[in-house]
Amino acid sequence: MEQANSTKLSVSIITFNEEKNIQDCIESVSEIADEILILDSFSKDRTKEIAIQNPKVRFLEHPFYGHVQQKNKAMEYCENEWVLSLDADERVDMILREAILDWKKQKSSEVIGFKISRLTWHLGRFIHHSGWYPLYRYRLFQKSKATWVGENPHDYIEIIGKGSKIAGNIIHFSFKDLSDQIETINKFSSIVAHTRFEKGNKFSLLSTLLKPIGKFWEIYIFKRGFLDGFPGFAIAASSAFSTFLKYAKIYELHHKIIQRPSNLRESYGEKKSK
């Protein structure tokens, strides 16, 4: 049984159409959480129905204006000062669960945030290289001294104060398959391109040519993606493709290439038939 004077912990999760993930995510933290705050963006599936069946869940809804904004809003709604932030496709492993339980029983210290490693399952195996592991990020923190920042959708926590690390992993089930990965790359590259375009970033042909090549070699060679077998090659190739798309979509935005011309024949220089 948890000690009466132990640290209270809120687990924060943002969701949209996560009926296939949310229950496993909740179950992985039910033992360590005093509150599970789910901030949903008006899901169209059974996410809400599944989530509210869990007694520790407090389910709220809010329009989605971006990953950074939504995670800051979810953190704001948490009732406890200490927050563990997860995505719906993430789980807390046994080592991390035990480490958090032990930490909750300890006396307070100067540490106001803990970095946690994330281990991703992709293409039938855990990825231990390719820049995907250990990928330490602050996930357990005091909300009054932390803020979600970054370029949507690549958000991260910044803390004001002393940080540390904690044992264990957040297990990440990133993509169902390659098709799902491609869909995610397409969606996320659009978000990044729009964000950069709004900041005034200009299209660069040289960057469009060189950056994807550099990204492939960075992941496959320098970050030892080759040690992850074919999945490592796929990660490097898909990351290069994602980098290309970000620049190509900025080109689209600058040239207002949003839809086909109203008269496609005229765009090819053909005359209207009389």
Protein backbone atom coordinates (compact mmCIF):
# COMPACT_ATOMS: atom_id res chain seq x y z
CA MET A 1 0.00 0.00 0.00
CA GLU A 2 1.22 3.50 -0.86
CA GLN A 3 2.46 5.58 2.06
CA ALA A 4 0.28 8.52 3.07
CA ASN A 5 3.18 11.00 2.79
CA SER A 6 4.38 9.78 -0.63
CA THR A 7 4.64 12.17 -3.56
CA LYS A 8 1.39 12.53 -5.52
CA LEU A 9 1.76 11.98 -9.25
CA SER A 10 -0.42 12.94 -12.21
CA VAL A 11 0.06 11.13 -15.52
CA SER A 12 -0.74 13.38 -18.48
CA ILE A 13 -1.82 11.93 -21.86
CA ILE A 14 -3.14 13.75 -24.94
CA THR A 15 -5.32 11.74 -27.30
CA PHE A 16 -7.16 11.72 -30.60
CA ASN A 17 -8.68 8.50 -31.92
CA GLU A 18 -6.53 6.27 -29.69
CA GLU A 19 -8.99 3.45 -28.96
CA LYS A 20 -6.36 0.84 -29.91
CA ASN A 21 -3.71 2.26 -27.57
CA ILE A 22 -5.27 4.01 -24.62
CA GLN A 23 -6.17 1.04 -22.40
CA ASP A 24 -2.66 -0.46 -22.48
CA CYS A 25 -1.18 2.96 -21.78
CA ILE A 26 -3.48 3.48 -18.79
CA GLU A 27 -2.78 0.01 -17.40
CA SER A 28 0.99 0.57 -17.57
CA VAL A 29 0.73 3.57 -15.20
CA SER A 30 -2.26 2.68 -13.02
CA GLU A 31 -0.02 1.49 -10.18
CA ILE A 32 2.10 4.64 -10.03
CA ALA A 33 -0.52 7.30 -10.84
CA ASP A 34 -2.67 9.14 -8.33
CA GLU A 35 -4.45 10.76 -11.27
CA ILE A 36 -4.48 10.02 -15.00
CA LEU A 37 -5.36 13.20 -16.88
CA ILE A 38 -6.43 12.58 -20.47
CA LEU A 39 -6.91 15.63 -22.67
CA ASP A 40 -8.72 14.55 -25.82
CA SER A 41 -9.23 16.45 -29.07
CA PHE A 42 -12.82 15.25 -29.59
CA SER A 43 -12.04 11.72 -30.77
CA LYS A 44 -14.44 10.07 -33.21
CA ASP A 45 -13.76 6.53 -31.99
CA ARG A 46 -14.16 4.77 -28.61
CA THR A 47 -11.27 6.56 -26.87
CA LYS A 48 -13.51 8.33 -24.35
CA GLU A 49 -15.68 5.27 -23.71
CA ILE A 50 -12.63 3.14 -22.92
CA ALA A 51 -10.77 5.76 -20.89
CA ILE A 52 -13.56 6.74 -18.50
CA GLN A 53 -14.04 3.12 -17.41
CA ASN A 54 -10.77 3.48 -15.47
CA PRO A 55 -11.34 4.95 -11.98
CA LYS A 56 -8.14 7.04 -11.90
CA VAL A 57 -8.86 8.73 -15.23
CA ARG A 58 -10.05 12.34 -15.43
CA PHE A 59 -11.15 12.84 -19.03
CA LEU A 60 -11.28 16.36 -20.52
CA GLU A 61 -11.69 17.67 -24.05
CA HIS A 62 -10.06 20.64 -25.73
CA PRO A 63 -9.55 21.75 -29.37
CA PHE A 64 -6.16 20.82 -30.78
CA TYR A 65 -3.95 23.79 -31.73
CA GLY A 66 -0.64 21.92 -31.84
CA HIS A 67 1.31 19.33 -29.87
CA VAL A 68 3.21 21.89 -27.77
CA GLN A 69 0.05 23.83 -26.95
CA GLN A 70 -1.99 20.72 -26.14
CA LYS A 71 0.62 19.21 -23.84
CA ASN A 72 1.01 22.48 -21.97
CA LYS A 73 -2.76 22.64 -21.58
CA ALA A 74 -2.90 19.04 -20.28
CA MET A 75 -0.11 19.80 -17.81
CA GLU A 76 -2.02 22.85 -16.62
CA TYR A 77 -5.10 20.71 -15.90
CA CYS A 78 -3.17 18.18 -13.78
CA GLU A 79 -4.11 18.38 -10.10
CA ASN A 80 -0.68 17.37 -8.75
CA GLU A 81 2.60 19.25 -8.91
CA TRP A 82 4.54 16.24 -10.21
CA VAL A 83 3.61 15.09 -13.72
CA LEU A 84 4.63 12.14 -15.89
CA SER A 85 3.85 12.88 -19.53
CA LEU A 86 3.15 10.09 -22.01
CA ASP A 87 1.73 9.65 -25.47
CA ALA A 88 -1.05 7.11 -25.95
CA ASP A 89 1.26 4.79 -27.91
CA GLU A 90 3.75 4.65 -25.02
CA ARG A 91 4.01 2.35 -22.01
CA VAL A 92 5.99 2.41 -18.76
CA ASP A 93 8.17 -0.69 -18.43
CA MET A 94 8.57 -2.67 -15.20
CA ILE A 95 11.94 -1.16 -14.27
CA LEU A 96 10.67 2.38 -14.68
CA ARG A 97 7.49 1.54 -12.78
CA GLU A 98 9.49 0.26 -9.80
CA ALA A 99 11.88 3.22 -9.96
CA ILE A 100 8.98 5.68 -9.83
CA LEU A 101 7.34 3.83 -6.93
CA ASP A 102 10.63 4.01 -4.99
CA TRP A 103 11.06 7.69 -5.86
CA LYS A 104 7.55 8.52 -4.64
CA LYS A 105 8.45 7.21 -1.17
CA GLN A 106 11.65 9.23 -0.89
CA LYS A 107 12.03 12.60 0.81
CA SER A 108 12.03 15.67 -1.42
CA SER A 109 15.26 16.75 -3.09
CA GLU A 110 16.54 19.58 -5.26
CA VAL A 111 15.76 17.63 -8.43
CA ILE A 112 12.73 19.05 -10.24
CA GLY A 113 12.81 16.90 -13.37
CA PHE A 114 13.88 13.43 -14.50
CA LYS A 115 14.98 12.36 -17.97
CA ILE A 116 13.74 8.96 -19.10
CA SER A 117 15.02 6.86 -22.00
CA ARG A 118 12.58 5.77 -24.70
CA LEU A 119 12.84 2.38 -26.41
CA THR A 120 10.92 2.05 -29.68
CA TRP A 121 9.48 -1.11 -31.26
CA HIS A 122 9.55 -0.91 -35.06
CA LEU A 123 9.42 -3.48 -37.86
CA GLY A 124 9.39 -6.41 -35.48
CA ARG A 125 12.21 -5.43 -33.14
CA PHE A 126 13.35 -2.94 -30.53
CA ILE A 127 15.57 -0.25 -32.05
CA HIS A 128 18.75 0.26 -30.01
CA HIS A 129 20.62 2.58 -32.40
CA SER A 130 19.72 4.90 -35.34
CA GLY A 131 19.46 7.86 -32.96
CA TRP A 132 16.28 6.36 -31.49
CA TYR A 133 17.80 5.05 -28.26
CA PRO A 134 18.25 5.95 -25.48
CA LEU A 135 16.93 9.40 -26.52
CA TYR A 136 16.70 10.76 -22.98
CA ARG A 137 14.04 13.44 -22.50
CA TYR A 138 12.42 15.06 -19.48
CA ARG A 139 9.12 13.26 -18.88
CA LEU A 140 8.77 13.34 -15.09
CA PHE A 141 8.83 16.87 -13.71
CA GLN A 142 7.34 19.56 -11.50
CA LYS A 143 4.81 21.36 -13.64
CA SER A 144 5.41 24.76 -12.04
CA LYS A 145 9.03 24.65 -13.26
CA ALA A 146 8.54 23.04 -16.66
CA THR A 147 7.26 24.07 -20.08
CA TRP A 148 6.64 22.21 -23.31
CA VAL A 149 8.55 23.91 -26.14
CA GLY A 150 9.87 22.98 -29.58
CA GLU A 151 8.76 22.96 -33.19
CA ASN A 152 5.46 21.14 -33.67
CA PRO A 153 5.17 18.19 -33.69
CA HIS A 154 8.67 17.72 -32.21
CA ASP A 155 7.99 18.90 -28.68
CA TYR A 156 10.12 18.57 -25.57
CA ILE A 157 10.16 19.75 -21.94
CA GLU A 158 12.42 22.50 -20.66
CA ILE A 159 12.88 22.77 -16.90
CA ILE A 160 14.13 25.53 -14.64
CA GLY A 161 16.27 23.86 -12.02
CA LYS A 162 18.22 20.70 -11.36
CA GLY A 163 17.58 17.61 -13.48
CA SER A 164 18.54 13.96 -13.21
CA LYS A 165 17.83 10.57 -14.79
CA ILE A 166 15.72 7.67 -13.60
CA ALA A 167 16.07 3.96 -14.41
CA GLY A 168 13.86 2.15 -16.90
CA ASN A 169 12.32 2.88 -20.27
CA ILE A 170 9.26 4.35 -21.83
CA ILE A 171 8.30 1.74 -24.43
CA HIS A 172 7.14 3.34 -27.66
CA PHE A 173 5.00 1.49 -30.22
CA SER A 174 5.50 4.02 -32.95
CA PHE A 175 4.04 2.61 -36.16
CA LYS A 176 1.85 -0.36 -37.09
CA ASP A 177 3.81 -0.91 -40.30
CA LEU A 178 5.66 0.96 -43.04
CA SER A 179 2.43 2.34 -44.49
CA ASP A 180 1.58 3.85 -41.14
CA GLN A 181 5.09 5.32 -40.91
CA ILE A 182 4.74 6.92 -44.36
CA GLU A 183 1.38 8.42 -43.40
CA THR A 184 2.89 9.85 -40.22
CA ILE A 185 5.88 11.26 -42.12
CA ASN A 186 3.51 12.95 -44.56
CA LYS A 187 1.40 14.45 -41.77
CA PHE A 188 4.30 15.57 -39.58
CA SER A 189 6.31 17.02 -42.47
CA SER A 190 3.30 19.20 -43.33
CA ILE A 191 3.11 20.46 -39.75
CA VAL A 192 6.84 21.29 -39.72
CA ALA A 193 6.70 22.96 -43.15
CA HIS A 194 3.77 25.18 -42.13
CA THR A 195 5.48 26.08 -38.84
CA ARG A 196 8.71 27.05 -40.59
CA PHE A 197 6.85 28.91 -43.34
CA GLU A 198 5.00 30.98 -40.73
CA LYS A 199 8.38 31.80 -39.14
CA GLY A 200 9.58 33.16 -42.48
CA ASN A 201 11.83 30.30 -43.57
CA LYS A 202 12.67 30.42 -47.27
CA PHE A 203 12.95 27.54 -49.72
CA SER A 204 16.52 26.46 -50.50
CA LEU A 205 17.23 24.15 -53.44
CA LEU A 206 20.70 23.38 -52.09
CA SER A 207 19.28 22.33 -48.72
CA THR A 208 16.61 20.27 -50.45
CA LEU A 209 19.34 18.39 -52.32
CA LEU A 210 21.91 17.98 -49.55
CA LYS A 211 19.99 17.76 -46.28
CA PRO A 212 18.24 14.43 -47.05
CA ILE A 213 21.57 12.83 -48.01
CA GLY A 214 23.18 14.15 -44.85
CA LYS A 215 20.29 12.85 -42.74
CA PHE A 216 20.64 9.34 -44.20
CA TRP A 217 24.37 9.15 -43.47
CA GLU A 218 23.91 10.67 -40.02
CA ILE A 219 21.43 7.96 -38.98
CA TYR A 220 22.75 4.94 -40.84
CA ILE A 221 26.49 5.50 -40.30
CA PHE A 222 27.21 7.98 -37.51
CA LYS A 223 24.32 6.86 -35.31
CA ARG A 224 25.02 3.21 -36.23
CA GLY A 225 21.67 2.45 -37.79
CA PHE A 226 23.33 -0.41 -39.66
CA LEU A 227 23.42 -2.30 -36.35
CA ASP A 228 19.62 -2.34 -36.35
CA GLY A 229 19.53 -4.43 -39.53
CA PHE A 230 17.00 -3.65 -42.23
CA PRO A 231 14.83 -1.61 -39.81
CA GLY A 232 17.85 0.67 -39.33
CA PHE A 233 18.16 1.14 -43.08
CA ALA A 234 14.42 1.83 -43.33
CA ILE A 235 14.65 4.41 -40.53
CA ALA A 236 17.54 6.19 -42.26
CA ALA A 237 15.79 6.16 -45.64
CA SER A 238 12.45 7.33 -44.23
CA SER A 239 14.16 10.10 -42.25
CA ALA A 240 15.87 11.29 -45.42
CA PHE A 241 12.52 11.26 -47.22
CA SER A 242 10.92 13.19 -44.35
CA THR A 243 13.68 15.82 -44.55
CA PHE A 244 13.09 16.19 -48.29
CA LEU A 245 9.33 16.58 -47.80
CA LYS A 246 9.78 19.38 -45.27
CA TYR A 247 11.75 21.46 -47.77
CA ALA A 248 9.57 20.51 -50.74
CA LYS A 249 6.42 21.53 -48.87
CA ILE A 250 7.96 24.90 -48.00
CA TYR A 251 8.45 25.32 -51.77
CA GLU A 252 4.75 24.55 -52.26
CA LEU A 253 3.73 27.09 -49.65
CA HIS A 254 5.92 29.83 -51.11
CA HIS A 255 4.57 29.22 -54.61
CA LYS A 256 1.01 28.69 -53.42
CA ILE A 257 0.82 25.28 -55.09
CA ILE A 258 -2.25 24.14 -53.23
CA GLN A 259 -4.46 22.74 -55.96
CA ARG A 260 -4.45 22.15 -59.68
CA PRO A 261 -5.19 25.17 -61.92
CA SER A 262 -8.87 25.77 -62.56
CA ASN A 263 -8.22 25.26 -66.27
CA LEU A 264 -5.53 22.58 -66.60
CA ARG A 265 -5.45 22.79 -70.42
CA GLU A 266 -4.63 26.50 -70.33
CA SER A 267 -1.82 25.81 -67.88
CA TYR A 268 -0.18 23.70 -70.58
CA GLY A 269 -0.54 26.54 -73.05
CA GLU A 270 -3.40 24.97 -74.95
CA LYS A 271 -6.02 27.25 -76.37
CA LYS A 272 -9.64 26.93 -75.49
CA SER A 273 -11.66 25.17 -78.10
CA LYS A 274 -14.23 27.44 -79.70
